[in-house]
Amino acid sequence: MKKVLSLFILVALFLSCNKDLVEKPDNLIEKNVMKEILYDVFLLDVIKYQNPDILYANGVNPNTYIFKKYKIDSIQFVKSNAYYASDYREYKKMYDEVNDRLKNEKKSIDLINKKAEKKALALKKAKAKKAKELKIKREKDSINKVKKEKELKLKKKDSIAKVNAEKKKAKTKKTNKVTK
């Protein structure tokens, strides 16, 4: 008797598994649209916890944004979500597709960020190189300026010495003329 009862319960379980646990709603959201909604929900959750000020600065209320964007109401979303969730395998496929999309977009964003970082680094290096070149040029200009100043001083000394020598010559000529 126990074996028959166990077998009957087992058969009843198998037969009940074939039935839809949740009835298909009249205004069921299409599967592709549901994937888009799940994608947006994931993004909003990430933004809400990472940097919630961005949402409010842009006037986005995470609680109502999805409903306005897809022109649905909360009851339609809940019923459609429950319907899709009742088939675990299909629901998991939907989640996996959304997750793959998020991963691909993350890779794209990471690639863009790496390019931007490389560009910023190259720009920083170029600025540092230019600053170094300007510093070297200033130093050379300073050295040249000092050299020119020294040359001018030497020329002044030379010209003063020349004038003094000429004065001396003129004096000696005068004295030679007077003595003659």
N, C-alpha and C. Protein backbone atom coordinates (compact mmCIF):
# COMPACT_ATOMS: atom_id res chain seq x y z
N MET A 1 0.82 -1.18 0.00
CA MET A 1 0.00 0.00 0.00
C MET A 1 0.88 1.26 0.00
N LYS A 2 1.92 1.24 0.82
CA LYS A 2 2.81 2.39 0.87
C LYS A 2 3.50 2.59 -0.47
N LYS A 3 3.87 1.50 -1.12
CA LYS A 3 4.54 1.61 -2.41
C LYS A 3 3.60 2.20 -3.45
N VAL A 4 2.36 1.79 -3.45
CA VAL A 4 1.38 2.29 -4.41
C VAL A 4 1.12 3.78 -4.16
N LEU A 5 1.00 4.15 -2.88
CA LEU A 5 0.77 5.54 -2.51
C LEU A 5 1.97 6.41 -2.92
N SER A 6 3.18 5.91 -2.69
CA SER A 6 4.40 6.64 -3.07
C SER A 6 4.47 6.81 -4.59
N LEU A 7 4.12 5.74 -5.32
CA LEU A 7 4.12 5.80 -6.77
C LEU A 7 3.09 6.80 -7.28
N PHE A 8 1.91 6.80 -6.66
CA PHE A 8 0.84 7.73 -7.06
C PHE A 8 1.29 9.18 -6.82
N ILE A 9 1.91 9.45 -5.70
CA ILE A 9 2.39 10.80 -5.39
C ILE A 9 3.48 11.21 -6.38
N LEU A 10 4.36 10.29 -6.70
CA LEU A 10 5.44 10.57 -7.66
C LEU A 10 4.88 10.88 -9.04
N VAL A 11 3.89 10.11 -9.50
CA VAL A 11 3.26 10.35 -10.80
C VAL A 11 2.54 11.70 -10.77
N ALA A 12 1.88 12.01 -9.67
CA ALA A 12 1.15 13.28 -9.55
C ALA A 12 2.14 14.45 -9.63
N LEU A 13 3.30 14.30 -9.02
CA LEU A 13 4.31 15.35 -9.07
C LEU A 13 4.81 15.56 -10.50
N PHE A 14 5.06 14.46 -11.20
CA PHE A 14 5.52 14.59 -12.59
C PHE A 14 4.47 15.26 -13.47
N LEU A 15 3.24 14.90 -13.28
CA LEU A 15 2.19 15.49 -14.09
C LEU A 15 1.98 16.97 -13.74
N SER A 16 2.15 17.30 -12.49
CA SER A 16 1.95 18.70 -12.10
C SER A 16 3.11 19.57 -12.58
N CYS A 17 4.28 18.98 -12.79
CA CYS A 17 5.43 19.75 -13.28
C CYS A 17 5.23 20.19 -14.72
N ASN A 18 4.43 19.46 -15.47
CA ASN A 18 4.19 19.84 -16.86
C ASN A 18 3.25 21.02 -16.98
N LYS A 19 2.46 21.28 -15.97
CA LYS A 19 1.54 22.40 -15.99
C LYS A 19 2.31 23.70 -15.77
N ASP A 20 1.82 24.77 -16.37
CA ASP A 20 2.40 26.07 -16.08
C ASP A 20 2.01 26.47 -14.67
N LEU A 21 3.00 26.82 -13.88
CA LEU A 21 2.73 27.22 -12.51
C LEU A 21 2.06 28.58 -12.46
N VAL A 22 2.42 29.44 -13.41
CA VAL A 22 1.84 30.77 -13.47
C VAL A 22 1.17 30.92 -14.82
N GLU A 23 -0.04 31.44 -14.79
CA GLU A 23 -0.76 31.63 -16.05
C GLU A 23 -0.15 32.78 -16.82
N LYS A 24 -0.23 32.65 -18.13
CA LYS A 24 0.30 33.70 -19.01
C LYS A 24 -0.61 34.92 -18.89
N PRO A 25 0.00 36.08 -18.49
CA PRO A 25 -0.84 37.28 -18.35
C PRO A 25 -1.31 37.79 -19.71
N ASP A 26 -2.41 38.53 -19.69
CA ASP A 26 -2.97 39.07 -20.92
C ASP A 26 -2.03 40.08 -21.57
N ASN A 27 -1.40 40.90 -20.76
CA ASN A 27 -0.52 41.94 -21.30
C ASN A 27 0.95 41.59 -21.03
N LEU A 28 1.31 40.38 -21.42
CA LEU A 28 2.67 39.88 -21.20
C LEU A 28 3.68 40.73 -21.97
N ILE A 29 4.74 41.11 -21.29
CA ILE A 29 5.81 41.86 -21.94
C ILE A 29 6.61 40.88 -22.79
N GLU A 30 6.92 41.27 -24.02
CA GLU A 30 7.67 40.38 -24.90
C GLU A 30 9.03 40.05 -24.29
N LYS A 31 9.53 38.88 -24.66
CA LYS A 31 10.78 38.39 -24.09
C LYS A 31 11.95 39.35 -24.34
N ASN A 32 12.08 39.84 -25.57
CA ASN A 32 13.18 40.75 -25.90
C ASN A 32 13.07 42.06 -25.12
N VAL A 33 11.86 42.54 -24.97
CA VAL A 33 11.65 43.77 -24.20
C VAL A 33 11.96 43.51 -22.73
N MET A 34 11.58 42.33 -22.27
CA MET A 34 11.85 41.97 -20.87
C MET A 34 13.36 41.93 -20.61
N LYS A 35 14.12 41.44 -21.59
CA LYS A 35 15.58 41.43 -21.45
C LYS A 35 16.11 42.86 -21.33
N GLU A 36 15.57 43.76 -22.16
CA GLU A 36 15.99 45.16 -22.11
C GLU A 36 15.64 45.77 -20.75
N ILE A 37 14.48 45.43 -20.24
CA ILE A 37 14.07 45.94 -18.93
C ILE A 37 15.01 45.42 -17.85
N LEU A 38 15.32 44.13 -17.88
CA LEU A 38 16.23 43.56 -16.88
C LEU A 38 17.61 44.22 -16.97
N TYR A 39 18.05 44.47 -18.19
CA TYR A 39 19.33 45.14 -18.39
C TYR A 39 19.32 46.52 -17.73
N ASP A 40 18.28 47.28 -18.00
CA ASP A 40 18.17 48.62 -17.41
C ASP A 40 18.06 48.57 -15.89
N VAL A 41 17.34 47.58 -15.39
CA VAL A 41 17.21 47.43 -13.93
C VAL A 41 18.57 47.16 -13.31
N PHE A 42 19.36 46.29 -13.92
CA PHE A 42 20.70 46.01 -13.40
C PHE A 42 21.56 47.28 -13.40
N LEU A 43 21.53 48.00 -14.51
CA LEU A 43 22.32 49.22 -14.60
C LEU A 43 21.90 50.25 -13.55
N LEU A 44 20.59 50.41 -13.40
CA LEU A 44 20.11 51.37 -12.40
C LEU A 44 20.53 50.97 -11.00
N ASP A 45 20.49 49.67 -10.71
CA ASP A 45 20.93 49.21 -9.39
C ASP A 45 22.40 49.52 -9.16
N VAL A 46 23.22 49.29 -10.16
CA VAL A 46 24.65 49.56 -10.02
C VAL A 46 24.88 51.05 -9.81
N ILE A 47 24.22 51.86 -10.61
CA ILE A 47 24.38 53.31 -10.49
C ILE A 47 23.87 53.79 -9.14
N LYS A 48 22.75 53.22 -8.72
CA LYS A 48 22.14 53.65 -7.45
C LYS A 48 23.08 53.41 -6.28
N TYR A 49 23.85 52.33 -6.33
CA TYR A 49 24.74 52.02 -5.22
C TYR A 49 26.15 52.59 -5.40
N GLN A 50 26.56 52.83 -6.64
CA GLN A 50 27.89 53.38 -6.88
C GLN A 50 27.91 54.89 -6.78
N ASN A 51 26.95 55.54 -7.42
CA ASN A 51 26.95 57.00 -7.45
C ASN A 51 25.51 57.50 -7.60
N PRO A 52 24.73 57.46 -6.54
CA PRO A 52 23.31 57.82 -6.64
C PRO A 52 23.07 59.28 -6.99
N ASP A 53 24.04 60.13 -6.74
CA ASP A 53 23.86 61.55 -7.04
C ASP A 53 23.68 61.80 -8.53
N ILE A 54 24.29 60.96 -9.35
CA ILE A 54 24.16 61.12 -10.81
C ILE A 54 22.70 60.96 -11.22
N LEU A 55 22.02 59.97 -10.64
CA LEU A 55 20.61 59.75 -10.98
C LEU A 55 19.78 60.98 -10.64
N TYR A 56 19.94 61.46 -9.43
CA TYR A 56 19.11 62.58 -8.99
C TYR A 56 19.50 63.88 -9.68
N ALA A 57 20.78 64.03 -10.01
CA ALA A 57 21.23 65.23 -10.72
C ALA A 57 20.61 65.27 -12.12
N ASN A 58 20.37 64.10 -12.71
CA ASN A 58 19.78 64.03 -14.05
C ASN A 58 18.26 63.83 -14.01
N GLY A 59 17.71 63.91 -12.82
CA GLY A 59 16.25 63.80 -12.68
C GLY A 59 15.72 62.40 -12.93
N VAL A 60 16.51 61.38 -12.64
CA VAL A 60 16.09 60.00 -12.86
C VAL A 60 15.70 59.39 -11.52
N ASN A 61 14.45 58.98 -11.42
CA ASN A 61 13.99 58.28 -10.23
C ASN A 61 14.02 56.79 -10.56
N PRO A 62 14.93 56.03 -9.95
CA PRO A 62 15.08 54.62 -10.31
C PRO A 62 13.80 53.79 -10.11
N ASN A 63 12.94 54.24 -9.21
CA ASN A 63 11.72 53.48 -8.94
C ASN A 63 10.69 53.61 -10.06
N THR A 64 10.71 54.68 -10.81
CA THR A 64 9.71 54.89 -11.86
C THR A 64 10.30 54.97 -13.27
N TYR A 65 11.61 55.04 -13.38
CA TYR A 65 12.26 55.23 -14.69
C TYR A 65 11.89 54.12 -15.68
N ILE A 66 11.97 52.88 -15.24
CA ILE A 66 11.68 51.73 -16.13
C ILE A 66 10.25 51.78 -16.64
N PHE A 67 9.33 52.10 -15.75
CA PHE A 67 7.92 52.10 -16.14
C PHE A 67 7.64 53.20 -17.17
N LYS A 68 8.27 54.35 -16.99
CA LYS A 68 8.07 55.43 -17.95
C LYS A 68 8.74 55.11 -19.28
N LYS A 69 9.96 54.57 -19.21
CA LYS A 69 10.72 54.30 -20.44
C LYS A 69 10.02 53.28 -21.33
N TYR A 70 9.51 52.21 -20.72
CA TYR A 70 8.91 51.13 -21.51
C TYR A 70 7.38 51.21 -21.56
N LYS A 71 6.83 52.26 -20.97
CA LYS A 71 5.39 52.49 -20.98
C LYS A 71 4.63 51.28 -20.46
N ILE A 72 5.06 50.83 -19.29
CA ILE A 72 4.39 49.70 -18.62
C ILE A 72 4.06 50.15 -17.20
N ASP A 73 3.26 49.34 -16.52
CA ASP A 73 3.01 49.64 -15.11
C ASP A 73 3.63 48.55 -14.25
N SER A 74 3.65 48.78 -12.98
CA SER A 74 4.34 47.86 -12.07
C SER A 74 3.67 46.48 -12.05
N ILE A 75 2.35 46.45 -12.17
CA ILE A 75 1.63 45.16 -12.13
C ILE A 75 1.97 44.34 -13.38
N GLN A 76 2.02 45.00 -14.52
CA GLN A 76 2.38 44.31 -15.76
C GLN A 76 3.79 43.74 -15.65
N PHE A 77 4.70 44.53 -15.09
CA PHE A 77 6.08 44.07 -14.93
C PHE A 77 6.14 42.87 -13.98
N VAL A 78 5.48 42.96 -12.84
CA VAL A 78 5.52 41.88 -11.85
C VAL A 78 4.92 40.60 -12.42
N LYS A 79 3.78 40.70 -13.09
CA LYS A 79 3.14 39.51 -13.66
C LYS A 79 4.01 38.88 -14.76
N SER A 80 4.58 39.72 -15.61
CA SER A 80 5.43 39.21 -16.69
C SER A 80 6.69 38.58 -16.12
N ASN A 81 7.28 39.21 -15.13
CA ASN A 81 8.48 38.68 -14.50
C ASN A 81 8.18 37.35 -13.81
N ALA A 82 7.05 37.25 -13.14
CA ALA A 82 6.67 36.00 -12.47
C ALA A 82 6.43 34.91 -13.52
N TYR A 83 5.82 35.26 -14.63
CA TYR A 83 5.57 34.28 -15.68
C TYR A 83 6.89 33.75 -16.24
N TYR A 84 7.82 34.64 -16.56
CA TYR A 84 9.11 34.20 -17.10
C TYR A 84 9.91 33.43 -16.05
N ALA A 85 9.81 33.84 -14.81
CA ALA A 85 10.55 33.17 -13.74
C ALA A 85 10.01 31.78 -13.45
N SER A 86 8.77 31.52 -13.82
CA SER A 86 8.20 30.19 -13.56
C SER A 86 8.89 29.11 -14.39
N ASP A 87 9.49 29.48 -15.51
CA ASP A 87 10.27 28.54 -16.31
C ASP A 87 11.75 28.85 -16.04
N TYR A 88 12.28 28.13 -15.08
CA TYR A 88 13.64 28.42 -14.57
C TYR A 88 14.68 28.45 -15.68
N ARG A 89 14.66 27.46 -16.55
CA ARG A 89 15.69 27.37 -17.59
C ARG A 89 15.66 28.58 -18.54
N GLU A 90 14.48 28.94 -18.98
CA GLU A 90 14.35 30.09 -19.88
C GLU A 90 14.71 31.39 -19.18
N TYR A 91 14.31 31.50 -17.93
CA TYR A 91 14.62 32.71 -17.16
C TYR A 91 16.12 32.83 -16.95
N LYS A 92 16.78 31.71 -16.68
CA LYS A 92 18.23 31.71 -16.51
C LYS A 92 18.91 32.12 -17.82
N LYS A 93 18.40 31.63 -18.96
CA LYS A 93 18.94 32.02 -20.26
C LYS A 93 18.83 33.53 -20.46
N MET A 94 17.68 34.08 -20.07
CA MET A 94 17.48 35.53 -20.19
C MET A 94 18.53 36.26 -19.34
N TYR A 95 18.68 35.82 -18.11
CA TYR A 95 19.65 36.45 -17.21
C TYR A 95 21.08 36.30 -17.76
N ASP A 96 21.38 35.13 -18.27
CA ASP A 96 22.73 34.92 -18.83
C ASP A 96 22.99 35.84 -20.02
N GLU A 97 21.99 36.02 -20.87
CA GLU A 97 22.15 36.91 -22.02
C GLU A 97 22.36 38.36 -21.56
N VAL A 98 21.58 38.76 -20.57
CA VAL A 98 21.74 40.12 -20.03
C VAL A 98 23.12 40.26 -19.39
N ASN A 99 23.53 39.25 -18.65
CA ASN A 99 24.84 39.27 -17.99
C ASN A 99 25.97 39.33 -19.02
N ASP A 100 25.85 38.55 -20.10
CA ASP A 100 26.85 38.58 -21.17
C ASP A 100 26.93 39.97 -21.81
N ARG A 101 25.77 40.56 -22.02
CA ARG A 101 25.74 41.92 -22.59
C ARG A 101 26.44 42.91 -21.67
N LEU A 102 26.17 42.80 -20.38
CA LEU A 102 26.82 43.69 -19.41
C LEU A 102 28.34 43.49 -19.41
N LYS A 103 28.78 42.23 -19.48
CA LYS A 103 30.21 41.94 -19.51
C LYS A 103 30.86 42.51 -20.76
N ASN A 104 30.20 42.35 -21.91
CA ASN A 104 30.75 42.88 -23.16
C ASN A 104 30.84 44.41 -23.12
N GLU A 105 29.83 45.04 -22.58
CA GLU A 105 29.87 46.49 -22.49
C GLU A 105 30.94 46.94 -21.49
N LYS A 106 31.12 46.17 -20.44
CA LYS A 106 32.17 46.49 -19.47
C LYS A 106 33.54 46.40 -20.14
N LYS A 107 33.73 45.36 -20.97
CA LYS A 107 35.00 45.23 -21.69
C LYS A 107 35.22 46.43 -22.61
N SER A 108 34.16 46.83 -23.30
CA SER A 108 34.26 47.98 -24.20
C SER A 108 34.62 49.24 -23.43
N ILE A 109 33.98 49.44 -22.31
CA ILE A 109 34.25 50.62 -21.49
C ILE A 109 35.66 50.57 -20.93
N ASP A 110 36.08 49.38 -20.49
CA ASP A 110 37.45 49.23 -19.99
C ASP A 110 38.46 49.55 -21.08
N LEU A 111 38.19 49.10 -22.29
CA LEU A 111 39.08 49.38 -23.43
C LEU A 111 39.15 50.88 -23.70
N ILE A 112 38.00 51.53 -23.67
CA ILE A 112 37.96 52.98 -23.88
C ILE A 112 38.73 53.69 -22.78
N ASN A 113 38.54 53.23 -21.54
CA ASN A 113 39.26 53.84 -20.41
C ASN A 113 40.77 53.64 -20.53
N LYS A 114 41.19 52.45 -20.97
CA LYS A 114 42.62 52.20 -21.15
C LYS A 114 43.20 53.13 -22.22
N LYS A 115 42.47 53.29 -23.33
CA LYS A 115 42.92 54.18 -24.39
C LYS A 115 43.02 55.61 -23.86
N ALA A 116 42.03 56.02 -23.10
CA ALA A 116 42.05 57.38 -22.54
C ALA A 116 43.21 57.54 -21.57
N GLU A 117 43.47 56.52 -20.76
CA GLU A 117 44.59 56.58 -19.82
C GLU A 117 45.92 56.66 -20.57
N LYS A 118 46.06 55.85 -21.64
CA LYS A 118 47.29 55.89 -22.43
C LYS A 118 47.47 57.26 -23.06
N LYS A 119 46.38 57.81 -23.58
CA LYS A 119 46.45 59.11 -24.21
C LYS A 119 46.83 60.18 -23.17
N ALA A 120 46.22 60.09 -22.00
CA ALA A 120 46.54 61.05 -20.94
C ALA A 120 47.99 60.91 -20.50
N LEU A 121 48.45 59.66 -20.40
CA LEU A 121 49.84 59.42 -20.01
C LEU A 121 50.80 59.96 -21.07
N ALA A 122 50.48 59.71 -22.34
CA ALA A 122 51.32 60.22 -23.43
C ALA A 122 51.33 61.75 -23.42
N LEU A 123 50.19 62.35 -23.18
CA LEU A 123 50.10 63.80 -23.11
C LEU A 123 50.92 64.32 -21.93
N LYS A 124 50.83 63.63 -20.81
CA LYS A 124 51.58 64.03 -19.62
C LYS A 124 53.09 63.93 -19.89
N LYS A 125 53.50 62.83 -20.55
CA LYS A 125 54.92 62.66 -20.89
C LYS A 125 55.37 63.75 -21.86
N ALA A 126 54.52 64.05 -22.84
CA ALA A 126 54.87 65.09 -23.82
C ALA A 126 55.02 66.44 -23.12
N LYS A 127 54.12 66.73 -22.19
CA LYS A 127 54.22 67.99 -21.45
C LYS A 127 55.49 68.02 -20.60
N ALA A 128 55.79 66.89 -19.97
CA ALA A 128 57.00 66.81 -19.14
C ALA A 128 58.24 67.00 -20.01
N LYS A 129 58.24 66.38 -21.19
CA LYS A 129 59.38 66.50 -22.10
C LYS A 129 59.53 67.95 -22.56
N LYS A 130 58.41 68.57 -22.90
CA LYS A 130 58.45 69.96 -23.35
C LYS A 130 58.94 70.87 -22.23
N ALA A 131 58.45 70.61 -21.01
CA ALA A 131 58.89 71.41 -19.87
C ALA A 131 60.39 71.24 -19.64
N LYS A 132 60.87 70.02 -19.79
CA LYS A 132 62.29 69.75 -19.62
C LYS A 132 63.10 70.48 -20.70
N GLU A 133 62.62 70.41 -21.94
CA GLU A 133 63.29 71.11 -23.03
C GLU A 133 63.32 72.61 -22.79
N LEU A 134 62.20 73.15 -22.30
CA LEU A 134 62.17 74.59 -22.00
C LEU A 134 63.14 74.94 -20.88
N LYS A 135 63.22 74.08 -19.90
CA LYS A 135 64.15 74.32 -18.79
C LYS A 135 65.59 74.31 -19.30
N ILE A 136 65.91 73.34 -20.13
CA ILE A 136 67.26 73.26 -20.71
C ILE A 136 67.53 74.50 -21.55
N LYS A 137 66.54 74.92 -22.34
CA LYS A 137 66.70 76.09 -23.19
C LYS A 137 66.92 77.34 -22.33
N ARG A 138 66.15 77.45 -21.25
CA ARG A 138 66.32 78.60 -20.35
C ARG A 138 67.72 78.59 -19.73
N GLU A 139 68.15 77.39 -19.33
CA GLU A 139 69.50 77.29 -18.75
C GLU A 139 70.55 77.70 -19.77
N LYS A 140 70.40 77.23 -21.01
CA LYS A 140 71.35 77.60 -22.05
C LYS A 140 71.29 79.10 -22.30
N ASP A 141 70.06 79.64 -22.33
CA ASP A 141 69.92 81.08 -22.53
C ASP A 141 70.57 81.84 -21.38
N SER A 142 70.40 81.33 -20.17
CA SER A 142 71.01 81.98 -19.00
C SER A 142 72.53 81.93 -19.10
N ILE A 143 73.04 80.77 -19.49
CA ILE A 143 74.50 80.62 -19.64
C ILE A 143 74.99 81.56 -20.73
N ASN A 144 74.31 81.60 -21.86
CA ASN A 144 74.69 82.50 -22.96
C ASN A 144 74.61 83.96 -22.51
N LYS A 145 73.60 84.29 -21.72
CA LYS A 145 73.46 85.66 -21.23
C LYS A 145 74.64 86.03 -20.35
N VAL A 146 75.01 85.10 -19.46
CA VAL A 146 76.15 85.35 -18.58
C VAL A 146 77.42 85.49 -19.41
N LYS A 147 77.59 84.63 -20.40
CA LYS A 147 78.77 84.73 -21.27
C LYS A 147 78.81 86.07 -21.99
N LYS A 148 77.68 86.52 -22.50
CA LYS A 148 77.62 87.79 -23.20
C LYS A 148 77.95 88.94 -22.25
N GLU A 149 77.40 88.85 -21.03
CA GLU A 149 77.70 89.89 -20.04
C GLU A 149 79.19 89.93 -19.74
N LYS A 150 79.81 88.75 -19.60
CA LYS A 150 81.25 88.70 -19.36
C LYS A 150 82.02 89.30 -20.53
N GLU A 151 81.58 88.95 -21.75
CA GLU A 151 82.24 89.49 -22.93
C GLU A 151 82.10 91.01 -22.97
N LEU A 152 80.92 91.50 -22.62
CA LEU A 152 80.72 92.95 -22.60
C LEU A 152 81.62 93.61 -21.57
N LYS A 153 81.72 92.97 -20.39
CA LYS A 153 82.60 93.51 -19.35
C LYS A 153 84.05 93.52 -19.84
N LEU A 154 84.43 92.40 -20.49
CA LEU A 154 85.80 92.33 -21.02
C LEU A 154 86.01 93.40 -22.09
N LYS A 155 85.01 93.57 -22.95
CA LYS A 155 85.13 94.60 -23.98
C LYS A 155 85.22 95.97 -23.36
N LYS A 156 84.43 96.20 -22.29
CA LYS A 156 84.50 97.49 -21.60
C LYS A 156 85.89 97.69 -21.03
N LYS A 157 86.38 96.62 -20.39
CA LYS A 157 87.74 96.72 -19.82
C LYS A 157 88.74 96.98 -20.93
N ASP A 158 88.59 96.26 -22.02
CA ASP A 158 89.49 96.43 -23.15
C ASP A 158 89.39 97.86 -23.70
N SER A 159 88.16 98.34 -23.83
CA SER A 159 88.01 99.69 -24.37
C SER A 159 88.53 100.73 -23.39
N ILE A 160 88.34 100.50 -22.10
CA ILE A 160 88.88 101.42 -21.09
C ILE A 160 90.40 101.36 -21.14
N ALA A 161 90.91 100.14 -21.22
CA ALA A 161 92.37 99.98 -21.31
C ALA A 161 92.88 100.64 -22.58
N LYS A 162 92.15 100.53 -23.66
CA LYS A 162 92.54 101.14 -24.93
C LYS A 162 92.55 102.66 -24.79
N VAL A 163 91.49 103.16 -24.17
CA VAL A 163 91.41 104.62 -23.98
C VAL A 163 92.56 105.09 -23.10
N ASN A 164 92.80 104.35 -22.02
CA ASN A 164 93.91 104.70 -21.12
C ASN A 164 95.25 104.63 -21.87
N ALA A 165 95.39 103.59 -22.69
CA ALA A 165 96.63 103.46 -23.46
C ALA A 165 96.77 104.62 -24.42
N GLU A 166 95.67 104.99 -25.06
CA GLU A 166 95.71 106.12 -25.99
C GLU A 166 96.04 107.42 -25.25
N LYS A 167 95.44 107.55 -24.05
CA LYS A 167 95.74 108.75 -23.25
C LYS A 167 97.23 108.77 -22.89
N LYS A 168 97.72 107.61 -22.52
CA LYS A 168 99.14 107.51 -22.17
C LYS A 168 100.01 107.87 -23.37
N LYS A 169 99.64 107.34 -24.52
CA LYS A 169 100.39 107.63 -25.74
C LYS A 169 100.35 109.13 -26.02
N ALA A 170 99.15 109.68 -25.85
CA ALA A 170 99.01 111.12 -26.12
C ALA A 170 99.86 111.91 -25.14
N LYS A 171 99.90 111.52 -23.90
CA LYS A 171 100.73 112.21 -22.90
C LYS A 171 102.19 112.08 -23.26
N THR A 172 102.57 110.86 -23.60
CA THR A 172 103.99 110.65 -23.95
C THR A 172 104.35 111.44 -25.20
N LYS A 173 103.44 111.56 -26.12
CA LYS A 173 103.72 112.36 -27.33
C LYS A 173 103.87 113.81 -26.95
N LYS A 174 103.00 114.29 -26.02
CA LYS A 174 103.08 115.67 -25.59
C LYS A 174 104.41 115.91 -24.89
N THR A 175 104.72 114.98 -24.00
CA THR A 175 105.98 115.15 -23.28
C THR A 175 107.14 115.04 -24.24
N ASN A 176 107.08 114.22 -25.22
CA ASN A 176 108.16 114.12 -26.21
C ASN A 176 108.23 115.39 -27.02
N LYS A 177 107.13 115.98 -27.36
CA LYS A 177 107.12 117.21 -28.12
C LYS A 177 107.69 118.34 -27.26
N VAL A 178 107.29 118.35 -26.01
CA VAL A 178 107.75 119.43 -25.11
C VAL A 178 109.25 119.26 -24.87
N THR A 179 109.69 118.11 -24.71
CA THR A 179 111.12 117.88 -24.46
C THR A 179 111.92 118.10 -25.72
N LYS A 180 111.42 118.05 -26.80
CA LYS A 180 112.17 118.27 -28.05
C LYS A 180 112.26 119.68 -28.28
